[in-house]
Amino acid sequence: MFKGTYTAIVTPFRNGTVDYAALEKLVKLQIKGGVDGIVPVGTTGESPTVSFEEHIEIVRCTVRYAAGRVKVMAGTGANSTSEAIYLTKAAEEVGADGSLQVAPYYNKPSQEGLFQHFHAIARATKLPIMLYSIPGRCGIEIAVETVHRLAQDSLNIVGIKEAGGNPDRVSQLRAALGDKFTILSGDDSLTLPFMAVGADGVVSVASNVIPKEVSQMVRAFASGKADAARKLHQKYYSVFKDLFIETNPVPAKAALAMMGLIDDECRLPLVRISPKSRERLEQTLRGCGIVKGSSGKRKARA
C-alpha cells in the first residue's frame, strides 16, 4: 500500500509560526518530483515541538495541498498511547491516507507494552498504520516477533519503517511477515541495501531536497534497473550522509534555505546548523549541482 518514495517533509517556520505558504510550495515540488507520498509531522517535521492544534492543521493542509495526487501518511505517534490515538483520529478526520506510528520514546516499554500500545491505536482508527522502529532515537526496538504479532492481530497494521541500520532486520521481517507487508527504509544511505534484501522503498529525508532523484533511484531498483539505481546512489551518497551531519532536520532545513525554498528556522531545542557544518553541506550540495553560486549569492537549480 505504501511502496516507493515517501518524503518525511520538514515543517517550515517563519518568525516562530508555521509557514503554510512555504509548506504548500514544498508539497507541490514533491509532487512534481514524482514521490509516491508525503509524511508530515514526523521527526523531520519537528513533531515534538508543534502544538496539537498545529500538528492537526499541518496534516490538514498537507492533505489539501496534495489533493489526492500522492498519499499522505501522517506522523501521529507518541510515547503516550492516548495522545497517539487522539492525533491519529484527528488525522483520519482531516483526510490522511495512513498513519506513521513511532515506537514510544523515553519511557521504554516492554515488548508486551509495545504490542498493547499499537494494538490500542489500531483499534481506534480505520487508517492503515505503518510502524516505525528507530532505536537510536527511542531507546527501544520493535522486535520482529512483536511486529509479526501485531500484523496478525490488526489488519490495518500494514508495514514498518525500519531505521535500525541493519539489513539483517529487513531479511528477518520479510521472512516473518511475507511479501504483502510493506517495509520501508528509514535511512537514505541504506535504501538500496535494504531494497536488495526485500524493502519496498524509503521514507526519505533527502527527497526534501532531491525528490526527483530519490524517486528515480527507488523506481529504477524496483523495476530491475540496478545499475541505474546504483549510479544515482553513488552520485548522491554524499548528500544522503551530509543531511545528517547534525541532528535531523537541521541540515535539511539549511539545505532548503540555501535553495531559497524556506527560512532556515527550527524550534528550540533545535538550533540552526553550525558554520562549519553549513560550509561542508553547501560544498556537497554545490558539488552535486543542487545549489549554485557562492554562499553569499545562492541559486537553486531549476
C-alpha atoms as a PDB file:
ATOM      1  CA  MET A   1       0.000   0.000   0.000  1.00  0.00           C
ATOM      2  CA  PHE A   2       2.798   2.424   0.866  1.00  0.00           C
ATOM      3  CA  LYS A   3       5.555   1.426  -1.528  1.00  0.00           C
ATOM      4  CA  GLY A   4       8.083   3.708  -3.219  1.00  0.00           C
ATOM      5  CA  THR A   5       9.365   7.079  -2.021  1.00  0.00           C
ATOM      6  CA  TYR A   6       7.721   8.904   0.866  1.00  0.00           C
ATOM      7  CA  THR A   7       9.143  12.262   1.844  1.00  0.00           C
ATOM      8  CA  ALA A   8       9.400  12.955   5.560  1.00  0.00           C
ATOM      9  CA  ILE A   9       8.699  16.603   4.931  1.00  0.00           C
ATOM     10  CA  VAL A  10      10.091  19.408   7.055  1.00  0.00           C
ATOM     11  CA  THR A  11       7.781  21.874   8.790  1.00  0.00           C
ATOM     12  CA  PRO A  12       8.849  25.349   7.632  1.00  0.00           C
ATOM     13  CA  PHE A  13       8.685  28.108  10.224  1.00  0.00           C
ATOM     14  CA  ARG A  14       8.811  31.871   9.864  1.00  0.00           C
ATOM     15  CA  ASN A  15       9.123  34.087  12.912  1.00  0.00           C
ATOM     16  CA  GLY A  16       8.113  31.251  15.173  1.00  0.00           C
ATOM     17  CA  THR A  17       4.936  30.184  13.367  1.00  0.00           C
ATOM     18  CA  VAL A  18       4.264  27.541  10.727  1.00  0.00           C
ATOM     19  CA  ASP A  19       4.862  28.946   7.247  1.00  0.00           C
ATOM     20  CA  TYR A  20       1.985  27.364   5.356  1.00  0.00           C
ATOM     21  CA  ALA A  21       2.803  29.144   2.101  1.00  0.00           C
ATOM     22  CA  ALA A  22       6.267  27.545   2.145  1.00  0.00           C
ATOM     23  CA  LEU A  23       4.756  24.181   3.076  1.00  0.00           C
ATOM     24  CA  GLU A  24       2.428  24.342   0.091  1.00  0.00           C
ATOM     25  CA  LYS A  25       5.373  25.132  -2.171  1.00  0.00           C
ATOM     26  CA  LEU A  26       7.316  22.167  -0.773  1.00  0.00           C
ATOM     27  CA  VAL A  27       4.400  19.773  -1.229  1.00  0.00           C
ATOM     28  CA  LYS A  28       3.936  20.859  -4.846  1.00  0.00           C
ATOM     29  CA  LEU A  29       7.654  20.404  -5.515  1.00  0.00           C
ATOM     30  CA  GLN A  30       7.462  16.897  -4.054  1.00  0.00           C
ATOM     31  CA  ILE A  31       4.565  16.020  -6.339  1.00  0.00           C
ATOM     32  CA  LYS A  32       6.397  17.458  -9.322  1.00  0.00           C
ATOM     33  CA  GLY A  33       9.436  15.409  -8.338  1.00  0.00           C
ATOM     34  CA  GLY A  34       7.451  12.186  -8.569  1.00  0.00           C
ATOM     35  CA  VAL A  35       7.318  10.982  -4.970  1.00  0.00           C
ATOM     36  CA  ASP A  36       4.669   8.460  -4.014  1.00  0.00           C
ATOM     37  CA  GLY A  37       3.696  10.103  -0.759  1.00  0.00           C
ATOM     38  CA  ILE A  38       4.398  12.664   1.924  1.00  0.00           C
ATOM     39  CA  VAL A  39       4.841  12.185   5.659  1.00  0.00           C
ATOM     40  CA  PRO A  40       4.010  15.397   7.546  1.00  0.00           C
ATOM     41  CA  VAL A  41       4.860  15.987  11.216  1.00  0.00           C
ATOM     42  CA  GLY A  42       7.190  13.083  11.688  1.00  0.00           C
ATOM     43  CA  THR A  43      10.503  13.607  13.434  1.00  0.00           C
ATOM     44  CA  THR A  44      11.718  15.516  10.373  1.00  0.00           C
ATOM     45  CA  GLY A  45       8.627  17.712  10.736  1.00  0.00           C
ATOM     46  CA  GLU A  46       9.628  18.569  14.311  1.00  0.00           C
ATOM     47  CA  SER A  47       6.566  16.904  15.770  1.00  0.00           C
ATOM     48  CA  PRO A  48       7.848  17.158  19.371  1.00  0.00           C
ATOM     49  CA  THR A  49       7.674  20.959  19.281  1.00  0.00           C
ATOM     50  CA  VAL A  50       4.414  21.674  17.476  1.00  0.00           C
ATOM     51  CA  SER A  51       1.187  22.045  19.427  1.00  0.00           C
ATOM     52  CA  PHE A  52      -1.716  19.628  18.953  1.00  0.00           C
ATOM     53  CA  GLU A  53      -3.536  22.337  17.010  1.00  0.00           C
ATOM     54  CA  GLU A  54      -0.540  22.956  14.741  1.00  0.00           C
ATOM     55  CA  HIS A  55       0.009  19.224  14.300  1.00  0.00           C
ATOM     56  CA  ILE A  56      -3.526  18.634  13.059  1.00  0.00           C
ATOM     57  CA  GLU A  57      -3.515  21.757  10.892  1.00  0.00           C
ATOM     58  CA  ILE A  58      -0.248  20.723   9.222  1.00  0.00           C
ATOM     59  CA  VAL A  59      -1.788  17.365   8.332  1.00  0.00           C
ATOM     60  CA  ARG A  60      -4.998  19.046   7.139  1.00  0.00           C
ATOM     61  CA  CYS A  61      -3.103  21.456   4.907  1.00  0.00           C
ATOM     62  CA  THR A  62      -0.805  18.766   3.538  1.00  0.00           C
ATOM     63  CA  VAL A  63      -3.860  16.727   2.547  1.00  0.00           C
ATOM     64  CA  ARG A  64      -5.352  19.794   0.869  1.00  0.00           C
ATOM     65  CA  TYR A  65      -2.130  20.688  -0.952  1.00  0.00           C
ATOM     66  CA  ALA A  66      -1.625  17.085  -2.116  1.00  0.00           C
ATOM     67  CA  ALA A  67      -5.213  16.985  -3.428  1.00  0.00           C
ATOM     68  CA  GLY A  68      -5.163  13.237  -3.919  1.00  0.00           C
ATOM     69  CA  ARG A  69      -2.133  13.283  -6.219  1.00  0.00           C
ATOM     70  CA  VAL A  70       0.057  11.485  -3.679  1.00  0.00           C
ATOM     71  CA  LYS A  71      -0.695   9.682  -0.441  1.00  0.00           C
ATOM     72  CA  VAL A  72      -0.367  11.467   2.890  1.00  0.00           C
ATOM     73  CA  MET A  73       0.883   9.281   5.740  1.00  0.00           C
ATOM     74  CA  ALA A  74       0.589  11.450   8.837  1.00  0.00           C
ATOM     75  CA  GLY A  75       3.089  11.168  11.645  1.00  0.00           C
ATOM     76  CA  THR A  76       0.794  10.691  14.648  1.00  0.00           C
ATOM     77  CA  GLY A  77       2.874   8.594  17.006  1.00  0.00           C
ATOM     78  CA  ALA A  78       3.670   9.497  20.610  1.00  0.00           C
ATOM     79  CA  ASN A  79       5.029   7.994  23.810  1.00  0.00           C
ATOM     80  CA  SER A  80       1.558   8.419  25.304  1.00  0.00           C
ATOM     81  CA  THR A  81      -0.971   5.983  23.876  1.00  0.00           C
ATOM     82  CA  SER A  82      -3.881   8.352  24.462  1.00  0.00           C
ATOM     83  CA  GLU A  83      -2.024  11.158  22.670  1.00  0.00           C
ATOM     84  CA  ALA A  84      -1.226   8.905  19.709  1.00  0.00           C
ATOM     85  CA  ILE A  85      -4.883   7.861  19.493  1.00  0.00           C
ATOM     86  CA  TYR A  86      -6.050  11.479  19.648  1.00  0.00           C
ATOM     87  CA  LEU A  87      -3.700  12.595  16.871  1.00  0.00           C
ATOM     88  CA  THR A  88      -4.458   9.543  14.715  1.00  0.00           C
ATOM     89  CA  LYS A  89      -8.209  10.064  14.944  1.00  0.00           C
ATOM     90  CA  ALA A  90      -7.723  13.717  14.062  1.00  0.00           C
ATOM     91  CA  ALA A  91      -5.553  12.799  11.053  1.00  0.00           C
ATOM     92  CA  GLU A  92      -8.240  10.392   9.881  1.00  0.00           C
ATOM     93  CA  GLU A  93     -10.877  13.108  10.177  1.00  0.00           C
ATOM     94  CA  VAL A  94      -8.885  15.573   8.047  1.00  0.00           C
ATOM     95  CA  GLY A  95      -8.312  13.044   5.276  1.00  0.00           C
ATOM     96  CA  ALA A  96      -4.925  11.412   5.773  1.00  0.00           C
ATOM     97  CA  ASP A  97      -4.359   8.153   3.894  1.00  0.00           C
ATOM     98  CA  GLY A  98      -2.393   6.482   6.665  1.00  0.00           C
ATOM     99  CA  SER A  99      -0.555   6.907   9.935  1.00  0.00           C
ATOM    100  CA  LEU A 100       3.122   6.516  10.834  1.00  0.00           C
ATOM    101  CA  GLN A 101       3.452   5.296  14.428  1.00  0.00           C
ATOM    102  CA  VAL A 102       6.860   5.645  16.046  1.00  0.00           C
ATOM    103  CA  ALA A 103       7.826   3.422  18.955  1.00  0.00           C
ATOM    104  CA  PRO A 104       7.185   5.171  22.273  1.00  0.00           C
ATOM    105  CA  TYR A 105      10.305   7.081  23.240  1.00  0.00           C
ATOM    106  CA  TYR A 106      11.872   7.762  26.627  1.00  0.00           C
ATOM    107  CA  ASN A 107       9.510   5.618  28.712  1.00  0.00           C
ATOM    108  CA  LYS A 108      10.941   2.401  27.126  1.00  0.00           C
ATOM    109  CA  PRO A 109       8.011  -0.053  27.349  1.00  0.00           C
ATOM    110  CA  SER A 110       8.486  -3.810  27.193  1.00  0.00           C
ATOM    111  CA  GLN A 111       7.605  -5.727  24.037  1.00  0.00           C
ATOM    112  CA  GLU A 112       4.230  -6.502  25.613  1.00  0.00           C
ATOM    113  CA  GLY A 113       3.802  -2.783  26.280  1.00  0.00           C
ATOM    114  CA  LEU A 114       4.642  -2.035  22.650  1.00  0.00           C
ATOM    115  CA  PHE A 115       2.103  -4.585  21.489  1.00  0.00           C
ATOM    116  CA  GLN A 116      -0.641  -3.154  23.687  1.00  0.00           C
ATOM    117  CA  HIS A 117       0.238   0.417  22.613  1.00  0.00           C
ATOM    118  CA  PHE A 118      -0.002  -0.261  18.879  1.00  0.00           C
ATOM    119  CA  HIS A 119      -2.946  -2.615  19.346  1.00  0.00           C
ATOM    120  CA  ALA A 120      -4.936   0.166  21.052  1.00  0.00           C
ATOM    121  CA  ILE A 121      -4.107   2.667  18.295  1.00  0.00           C
ATOM    122  CA  ALA A 122      -5.056   0.220  15.546  1.00  0.00           C
ATOM    123  CA  ARG A 123      -8.399  -0.454  17.238  1.00  0.00           C
ATOM    124  CA  ALA A 124      -9.138   3.286  17.400  1.00  0.00           C
ATOM    125  CA  THR A 125      -8.806   4.026  13.677  1.00  0.00           C
ATOM    126  CA  LYS A 126      -9.590   2.658  10.236  1.00  0.00           C
ATOM    127  CA  LEU A 127      -6.405   4.179   8.823  1.00  0.00           C
ATOM    128  CA  PRO A 128      -3.660   1.862   7.588  1.00  0.00           C
ATOM    129  CA  ILE A 129      -0.801   2.023  10.075  1.00  0.00           C
ATOM    130  CA  MET A 130       2.925   1.871   9.439  1.00  0.00           C
ATOM    131  CA  LEU A 131       5.034   1.111  12.477  1.00  0.00           C
ATOM    132  CA  TYR A 132       8.308   2.977  12.922  1.00  0.00           C
ATOM    133  CA  SER A 133      11.268   1.351  14.638  1.00  0.00           C
ATOM    134  CA  ILE A 134      14.166   3.728  15.301  1.00  0.00           C
ATOM    135  CA  PRO A 135      16.094   2.558  18.380  1.00  0.00           C
ATOM    136  CA  GLY A 136      18.669   5.345  18.050  1.00  0.00           C
ATOM    137  CA  ARG A 137      16.020   7.921  18.958  1.00  0.00           C
ATOM    138  CA  CYS A 138      13.607   5.844  21.025  1.00  0.00           C
ATOM    139  CA  GLY A 139      15.948   3.637  23.025  1.00  0.00           C
ATOM    140  CA  ILE A 140      13.935   0.526  22.093  1.00  0.00           C
ATOM    141  CA  GLU A 141      13.425  -1.661  19.023  1.00  0.00           C
ATOM    142  CA  ILE A 142      10.127  -3.152  17.932  1.00  0.00           C
ATOM    143  CA  ALA A 143      11.081  -6.832  17.883  1.00  0.00           C
ATOM    144  CA  VAL A 144      10.385  -8.870  14.763  1.00  0.00           C
ATOM    145  CA  GLU A 145       8.162 -11.145  16.839  1.00  0.00           C
ATOM    146  CA  THR A 146       6.149  -8.139  18.046  1.00  0.00           C
ATOM    147  CA  VAL A 147       5.738  -6.813  14.508  1.00  0.00           C
ATOM    148  CA  HIS A 148       4.509 -10.238  13.389  1.00  0.00           C
ATOM    149  CA  ARG A 149       2.107 -10.457  16.311  1.00  0.00           C
ATOM    150  CA  LEU A 150       0.718  -7.008  15.555  1.00  0.00           C
ATOM    151  CA  ALA A 151       0.279  -7.770  11.854  1.00  0.00           C
ATOM    152  CA  GLN A 152      -1.646 -10.938  12.763  1.00  0.00           C
ATOM    153  CA  ASP A 153      -3.718  -9.091  15.354  1.00  0.00           C
ATOM    154  CA  SER A 154      -4.632  -5.935  13.409  1.00  0.00           C
ATOM    155  CA  LEU A 155      -5.313  -5.999   9.692  1.00  0.00           C
ATOM    156  CA  ASN A 156      -4.718  -2.245   9.412  1.00  0.00           C
ATOM    157  CA  ILE A 157      -1.106  -2.568  10.582  1.00  0.00           C
ATOM    158  CA  VAL A 158       0.339  -2.926   7.102  1.00  0.00           C
ATOM    159  CA  GLY A 159       4.023  -2.034   7.261  1.00  0.00           C
ATOM    160  CA  ILE A 160       7.081  -0.765   9.081  1.00  0.00           C
ATOM    161  CA  LYS A 161       9.607   1.988   8.586  1.00  0.00           C
ATOM    162  CA  GLU A 162      12.859   0.313   9.565  1.00  0.00           C
ATOM    163  CA  ALA A 163      15.553   2.692  10.803  1.00  0.00           C
ATOM    164  CA  GLY A 164      17.787   0.432  12.836  1.00  0.00           C
ATOM    165  CA  GLY A 165      20.579   0.477  10.272  1.00  0.00           C
ATOM    166  CA  ASN A 166      20.731  -3.305   9.872  1.00  0.00           C
ATOM    167  CA  PRO A 167      19.838  -5.123   6.615  1.00  0.00           C
ATOM    168  CA  ASP A 168      19.502  -8.349   8.602  1.00  0.00           C
ATOM    169  CA  ARG A 169      16.379  -6.897  10.204  1.00  0.00           C
ATOM    170  CA  VAL A 170      14.832  -6.451   6.763  1.00  0.00           C
ATOM    171  CA  SER A 171      15.548 -10.086   5.921  1.00  0.00           C
ATOM    172  CA  GLN A 172      14.100 -11.208   9.253  1.00  0.00           C
ATOM    173  CA  LEU A 173      10.995  -9.058   8.832  1.00  0.00           C
ATOM    174  CA  ARG A 174      10.403 -10.251   5.278  1.00  0.00           C
ATOM    175  CA  ALA A 175      10.790 -13.899   6.296  1.00  0.00           C
ATOM    176  CA  ALA A 176       8.393 -13.479   9.214  1.00  0.00           C
ATOM    177  CA  LEU A 177       5.766 -11.314   7.517  1.00  0.00           C
ATOM    178  CA  GLY A 178       5.724 -12.324   3.867  1.00  0.00           C
ATOM    179  CA  ASP A 179       5.567 -10.223   0.723  1.00  0.00           C
ATOM    180  CA  LYS A 180       2.353  -8.317   1.444  1.00  0.00           C
ATOM    181  CA  PHE A 181       3.738  -6.490   4.484  1.00  0.00           C
ATOM    182  CA  THR A 182       5.431  -3.233   3.462  1.00  0.00           C
ATOM    183  CA  ILE A 183       8.980  -2.494   4.627  1.00  0.00           C
ATOM    184  CA  LEU A 184      10.439   0.958   4.014  1.00  0.00           C
ATOM    185  CA  SER A 185      13.976   2.060   4.752  1.00  0.00           C
ATOM    186  CA  GLY A 186      14.296   4.849   7.295  1.00  0.00           C
ATOM    187  CA  ASP A 187      17.808   5.811   6.144  1.00  0.00           C
ATOM    188  CA  ASP A 188      18.542   7.314   2.733  1.00  0.00           C
ATOM    189  CA  SER A 189      22.042   5.886   2.525  1.00  0.00           C
ATOM    190  CA  LEU A 190      20.690   2.362   3.185  1.00  0.00           C
ATOM    191  CA  THR A 191      17.768   2.456   0.749  1.00  0.00           C
ATOM    192  CA  LEU A 192      19.423   0.292  -1.896  1.00  0.00           C
ATOM    193  CA  PRO A 193      20.970  -2.215   0.557  1.00  0.00           C
ATOM    194  CA  PHE A 194      17.590  -2.576   2.236  1.00  0.00           C
ATOM    195  CA  MET A 195      15.746  -2.952  -1.077  1.00  0.00           C
ATOM    196  CA  ALA A 196      18.270  -5.598  -2.128  1.00  0.00           C
ATOM    197  CA  VAL A 197      17.057  -7.823   0.717  1.00  0.00           C
ATOM    198  CA  GLY A 198      13.357  -7.074   0.493  1.00  0.00           C
ATOM    199  CA  ALA A 199      12.420  -3.475   1.366  1.00  0.00           C
ATOM    200  CA  ASP A 200       9.831  -1.713  -0.799  1.00  0.00           C
ATOM    201  CA  GLY A 201      11.209   1.831  -0.766  1.00  0.00           C
ATOM    202  CA  VAL A 202      12.116   4.610   1.638  1.00  0.00           C
ATOM    203  CA  VAL A 203      10.767   7.268   3.941  1.00  0.00           C
ATOM    204  CA  SER A 204      13.288   9.832   2.833  1.00  0.00           C
ATOM    205  CA  VAL A 205      14.797  12.998   4.248  1.00  0.00           C
ATOM    206  CA  ALA A 206      16.945  13.582   1.177  1.00  0.00           C
ATOM    207  CA  SER A 207      13.872  13.770  -1.051  1.00  0.00           C
ATOM    208  CA  ASN A 208      13.049  17.089   0.604  1.00  0.00           C
ATOM    209  CA  VAL A 209      15.997  18.373  -1.431  1.00  0.00           C
ATOM    210  CA  ILE A 210      16.140  15.969  -4.403  1.00  0.00           C
ATOM    211  CA  PRO A 211      12.686  14.365  -4.780  1.00  0.00           C
ATOM    212  CA  LYS A 212      13.118  13.505  -8.449  1.00  0.00           C
ATOM    213  CA  GLU A 213      16.448  11.784  -7.961  1.00  0.00           C
ATOM    214  CA  VAL A 214      15.405   9.719  -4.939  1.00  0.00           C
ATOM    215  CA  SER A 215      12.180   8.686  -6.683  1.00  0.00           C
ATOM    216  CA  GLN A 216      14.107   7.697  -9.802  1.00  0.00           C
ATOM    217  CA  MET A 217      16.579   5.656  -7.756  1.00  0.00           C
ATOM    218  CA  VAL A 218      13.842   3.720  -5.948  1.00  0.00           C
ATOM    219  CA  ARG A 219      11.810   3.103  -9.093  1.00  0.00           C
ATOM    220  CA  ALA A 220      14.890   2.021 -11.047  1.00  0.00           C
ATOM    221  CA  PHE A 221      15.828  -0.605  -8.476  1.00  0.00           C
ATOM    222  CA  ALA A 222      12.232  -1.800  -8.119  1.00  0.00           C
ATOM    223  CA  SER A 223      11.976  -2.275 -11.888  1.00  0.00           C
ATOM    224  CA  GLY A 224      15.190  -4.291 -12.139  1.00  0.00           C
ATOM    225  CA  LYS A 225      17.464  -1.481 -13.294  1.00  0.00           C
ATOM    226  CA  ALA A 226      20.038  -1.983 -10.557  1.00  0.00           C
ATOM    227  CA  ASP A 227      22.897  -0.278 -12.409  1.00  0.00           C
ATOM    228  CA  ALA A 228      20.894   2.917 -12.934  1.00  0.00           C
ATOM    229  CA  ALA A 229      19.821   2.904  -9.285  1.00  0.00           C
ATOM    230  CA  ARG A 230      23.392   2.349  -8.120  1.00  0.00           C
ATOM    231  CA  LYS A 231      24.663   5.268 -10.200  1.00  0.00           C
ATOM    232  CA  LEU A 232      22.139   7.599  -8.586  1.00  0.00           C
ATOM    233  CA  HIS A 233      23.045   6.253  -5.153  1.00  0.00           C
ATOM    234  CA  GLN A 234      26.717   6.865  -5.777  1.00  0.00           C
ATOM    235  CA  LYS A 235      26.143  10.357  -7.169  1.00  0.00           C
ATOM    236  CA  TYR A 236      24.061  11.500  -4.205  1.00  0.00           C
ATOM    237  CA  TYR A 237      25.590   9.403  -1.432  1.00  0.00           C
ATOM    238  CA  SER A 238      27.424  12.432  -0.017  1.00  0.00           C
ATOM    239  CA  VAL A 239      24.081  14.278   0.144  1.00  0.00           C
ATOM    240  CA  PHE A 240      22.468  11.321   1.927  1.00  0.00           C
ATOM    241  CA  LYS A 241      25.220  11.396   4.543  1.00  0.00           C
ATOM    242  CA  ASP A 242      25.683  15.148   4.977  1.00  0.00           C
ATOM    243  CA  LEU A 243      21.978  15.757   5.518  1.00  0.00           C
ATOM    244  CA  PHE A 244      22.667  14.016   8.834  1.00  0.00           C
ATOM    245  CA  ILE A 245      25.885  15.851   9.665  1.00  0.00           C
ATOM    246  CA  GLU A 246      23.900  17.327  12.566  1.00  0.00           C
ATOM    247  CA  THR A 247      20.584  16.303  14.097  1.00  0.00           C
ATOM    248  CA  ASN A 248      17.785  15.886  11.563  1.00  0.00           C
ATOM    249  CA  PRO A 249      16.093  18.105  10.322  1.00  0.00           C
ATOM    250  CA  VAL A 250      18.663  20.858  10.966  1.00  0.00           C
ATOM    251  CA  PRO A 251      20.808  20.134   7.858  1.00  0.00           C
ATOM    252  CA  ALA A 252      17.753  19.523   5.646  1.00  0.00           C
ATOM    253  CA  LYS A 253      16.333  22.891   6.603  1.00  0.00           C
ATOM    254  CA  ALA A 254      19.690  24.538   5.956  1.00  0.00           C
ATOM    255  CA  ALA A 255      19.805  22.929   2.509  1.00  0.00           C
ATOM    256  CA  LEU A 256      16.278  24.035   1.636  1.00  0.00           C
ATOM    257  CA  ALA A 257      17.137  27.554   2.790  1.00  0.00           C
ATOM    258  CA  MET A 258      20.198  27.533   0.532  1.00  0.00           C
ATOM    259  CA  MET A 259      17.840  26.612  -2.292  1.00  0.00           C
ATOM    260  CA  GLY A 260      15.650  29.589  -1.464  1.00  0.00           C
ATOM    261  CA  LEU A 261      12.634  27.482  -0.513  1.00  0.00           C
ATOM    262  CA  ILE A 262      12.217  28.128   3.225  1.00  0.00           C
ATOM    263  CA  ASP A 263      13.608  30.205   6.065  1.00  0.00           C
ATOM    264  CA  ASP A 264      16.386  28.458   7.973  1.00  0.00           C
ATOM    265  CA  GLU A 265      14.434  28.251  11.205  1.00  0.00           C
ATOM    266  CA  CYS A 266      13.919  25.466  13.728  1.00  0.00           C
ATOM    267  CA  ARG A 267      12.212  25.391  17.092  1.00  0.00           C
ATOM    268  CA  LEU A 268      14.145  25.048  20.301  1.00  0.00           C
ATOM    269  CA  PRO A 269      15.777  22.908  21.469  1.00  0.00           C
ATOM    270  CA  LEU A 270      16.966  22.593  17.852  1.00  0.00           C
ATOM    271  CA  VAL A 271      19.060  25.460  16.516  1.00  0.00           C
ATOM    272  CA  ARG A 272      20.494  26.384  13.136  1.00  0.00           C
ATOM    273  CA  ILE A 273      23.343  24.372  11.704  1.00  0.00           C
ATOM    274  CA  SER A 274      26.837  25.360  12.815  1.00  0.00           C
ATOM    275  CA  PRO A 275      29.001  27.436  10.435  1.00  0.00           C
ATOM    276  CA  LYS A 276      31.463  24.557   9.956  1.00  0.00           C
ATOM    277  CA  SER A 277      28.721  22.069   9.090  1.00  0.00           C
ATOM    278  CA  ARG A 278      26.984  24.616   6.873  1.00  0.00           C
ATOM    279  CA  GLU A 279      30.146  25.098   4.845  1.00  0.00           C
ATOM    280  CA  ARG A 280      30.586  21.357   4.363  1.00  0.00           C
ATOM    281  CA  LEU A 281      26.916  20.860   3.455  1.00  0.00           C
ATOM    282  CA  GLU A 282      26.997  23.701   0.963  1.00  0.00           C
ATOM    283  CA  GLN A 283      30.110  22.279  -0.692  1.00  0.00           C
ATOM    284  CA  THR A 284      28.350  18.931  -1.020  1.00  0.00           C
ATOM    285  CA  LEU A 285      25.215  20.488  -2.490  1.00  0.00           C
ATOM    286  CA  ARG A 286      27.239  22.559  -4.950  1.00  0.00           C
ATOM    287  CA  GLY A 287      29.307  19.523  -5.885  1.00  0.00           C
ATOM    288  CA  CYS A 288      26.125  17.672  -6.846  1.00  0.00           C
ATOM    289  CA  GLY A 289      24.706  20.666  -8.720  1.00  0.00           C
ATOM    290  CA  ILE A 290      21.861  21.179  -6.249  1.00  0.00           C
ATOM    291  CA  VAL A 291      22.947  24.667  -5.203  1.00  0.00           C
ATOM    292  CA  LYS A 292      24.775  27.046  -7.493  1.00  0.00           C
ATOM    293  CA  GLY A 293      26.812  30.147  -6.729  1.00  0.00           C
ATOM    294  CA  SER A 294      28.721  31.171  -3.626  1.00  0.00           C
ATOM    295  CA  SER A 295      27.441  31.223  -0.067  1.00  0.00           C
ATOM    296  CA  GLY A 296      26.744  34.919  -0.406  1.00  0.00           C
ATOM    297  CA  LYS A 297      24.647  34.526  -3.527  1.00  0.00           C
ATOM    298  CA  ARG A 298      22.868  31.223  -3.805  1.00  0.00           C
ATOM    299  CA  LYS A 299      20.650  29.909  -6.525  1.00  0.00           C
ATOM    300  CA  ALA A 300      18.674  26.718  -6.515  1.00  0.00           C
ATOM    301  CA  ARG A 301      18.816  24.647  -9.657  1.00  0.00           C
ATOM    302  CA  ALA A 302      15.749  24.824 -11.854  1.00  0.00           C
END
